[in-house]
C-alpha atoms as a PDB file:
ATOM      1  CA  MET A   1      33.455   3.616   9.562  1.00  0.00           C
ATOM      2  CA  LYS A   2      35.743   3.008   6.600  1.00  0.00           C
ATOM      3  CA  SER A   3      32.752   2.023   4.476  1.00  0.00           C
ATOM      4  CA  LEU A   4      31.109   5.386   5.145  1.00  0.00           C
ATOM      5  CA  LYS A   5      34.202   7.216   3.916  1.00  0.00           C
ATOM      6  CA  VAL A   6      33.527   5.725   0.487  1.00  0.00           C
ATOM      7  CA  ASP A   7      29.779   6.437   0.509  1.00  0.00           C
ATOM      8  CA  SER A   8      28.307   8.210   3.525  1.00  0.00           C
ATOM      9  CA  LYS A   9      24.743   7.478   2.342  1.00  0.00           C
ATOM     10  CA  ASP A  10      25.244   3.700   2.069  1.00  0.00           C
ATOM     11  CA  VAL A  11      22.076   2.240   3.561  1.00  0.00           C
ATOM     12  CA  GLY A  12      23.559  -1.116   4.548  1.00  0.00           C
ATOM     13  CA  ALA A  13      26.621   0.340   6.233  1.00  0.00           C
ATOM     14  CA  ASN A  14      24.576   2.900   8.165  1.00  0.00           C
ATOM     15  CA  TYR A  15      22.105   0.249   9.301  1.00  0.00           C
ATOM     16  CA  ARG A  16      24.843  -2.091  10.506  1.00  0.00           C
ATOM     17  CA  LEU A  17      26.689   0.687  12.335  1.00  0.00           C
ATOM     18  CA  GLY A  18      23.410   1.676  13.963  1.00  0.00           C
ATOM     19  CA  VAL A  19      22.902  -1.876  15.187  1.00  0.00           C
ATOM     20  CA  LEU A  20      26.425  -1.966  16.617  1.00  0.00           C
ATOM     21  CA  HIS A  21      25.812   1.233  18.574  1.00  0.00           C
ATOM     22  CA  MET A  22      22.314   0.185  19.640  1.00  0.00           C
ATOM     23  CA  LEU A  23      23.504  -3.142  21.050  1.00  0.00           C
ATOM     24  CA  GLY A  24      26.904  -1.971  22.246  1.00  0.00           C
ATOM     25  CA  LEU A  25      28.840  -4.457  20.131  1.00  0.00           C
ATOM     26  CA  GLY A  26      32.446  -3.299  20.014  1.00  0.00           C
ATOM     27  CA  CYS A  27      31.551   0.079  21.491  1.00  0.00           C
ATOM     28  CA  ASP A  28      29.486   1.608  24.269  1.00  0.00           C
ATOM     29  CA  VAL A  29      25.705   1.628  23.890  1.00  0.00           C
ATOM     30  CA  ASN A  30      24.797   4.970  22.338  1.00  0.00           C
ATOM     31  CA  MET A  31      21.167   5.264  21.274  1.00  0.00           C
ATOM     32  CA  THR A  32      21.595   8.798  19.938  1.00  0.00           C
ATOM     33  CA  LYS A  33      24.386   7.763  17.588  1.00  0.00           C
ATOM     34  CA  ALA A  34      22.473   4.629  16.576  1.00  0.00           C
ATOM     35  CA  LEU A  35      19.456   6.754  15.749  1.00  0.00           C
ATOM     36  CA  GLN A  36      21.600   9.022  13.550  1.00  0.00           C
ATOM     37  CA  PHE A  37      22.785   6.026  11.543  1.00  0.00           C
ATOM     38  CA  PHE A  38      19.256   4.633  11.255  1.00  0.00           C
ATOM     39  CA  GLU A  39      17.904   8.002  10.076  1.00  0.00           C
ATOM     40  CA  VAL A  40      20.330   7.944   7.138  1.00  0.00           C
ATOM     41  CA  ALA A  41      19.233   4.389   6.324  1.00  0.00           C
ATOM     42  CA  LYS A  42      15.500   4.964   6.802  1.00  0.00           C
ATOM     43  CA  SER A  43      14.739   3.798   3.261  1.00  0.00           C
ATOM     44  CA  ASP A  44      15.469   0.284   4.591  1.00  0.00           C
ATOM     45  CA  ALA A  45      12.652  -1.506   6.407  1.00  0.00           C
ATOM     46  CA  HIS A  46      15.057  -2.920   8.989  1.00  0.00           C
ATOM     47  CA  ALA A  47      16.283   0.574   9.852  1.00  0.00           C
ATOM     48  CA  LEU A  48      12.703   1.781  10.308  1.00  0.00           C
ATOM     49  CA  ASN A  49      12.034  -1.165  12.590  1.00  0.00           C
ATOM     50  CA  ALA A  50      15.165  -0.330  14.599  1.00  0.00           C
ATOM     51  CA  ILE A  51      13.956   3.273  14.986  1.00  0.00           C
ATOM     52  CA  GLY A  52      10.711   1.837  16.389  1.00  0.00           C
ATOM     53  CA  VAL A  53      12.673  -0.330  18.814  1.00  0.00           C
ATOM     54  CA  ILE A  54      14.648   2.689  20.012  1.00  0.00           C
ATOM     55  CA  TYR A  55      11.416   4.634  20.418  1.00  0.00           C
ATOM     56  CA  PHE A  56      10.068   1.777  22.544  1.00  0.00           C
ATOM     57  CA  ILE A  57      13.117   1.139  24.752  1.00  0.00           C
ATOM     58  CA  ALA A  58      14.670   4.617  24.886  1.00  0.00           C
ATOM     59  CA  PRO A  59      12.020   7.270  24.166  1.00  0.00           C
ATOM     60  CA  ASP A  60      14.128   9.995  25.788  1.00  0.00           C
ATOM     61  CA  VAL A  61      16.410   9.919  22.713  1.00  0.00           C
ATOM     62  CA  PHE A  62      13.654  11.515  20.651  1.00  0.00           C
ATOM     63  CA  GLU A  63      12.797  15.188  20.849  1.00  0.00           C
ATOM     64  CA  THR A  64       9.781  15.751  23.085  1.00  0.00           C
ATOM     65  CA  ASP A  65       9.527  19.535  22.966  1.00  0.00           C
ATOM     66  CA  PRO A  66       6.417  20.191  20.785  1.00  0.00           C
ATOM     67  CA  VAL A  67       7.840  23.506  19.554  1.00  0.00           C
ATOM     68  CA  LYS A  68      10.830  21.734  17.999  1.00  0.00           C
ATOM     69  CA  LEU A  69       8.728  18.954  16.460  1.00  0.00           C
ATOM     70  CA  PHE A  70       7.049  21.230  13.912  1.00  0.00           C
END
């Protein structure tokens, strides 16, 4: 988290923190928090792939109410 204090939009730091939360490395598994980090880093292909993985293994993290989607 210290790296995000310097630059909160750092793609690499956000991607890596997302992976840590997605896999539960050093913290509890938290797909919602992982998705937040990946959304900031979505200009990175790896982050987009990770969003796809979350969509596949934990689709309930994404909003499903059609009114809120548009």
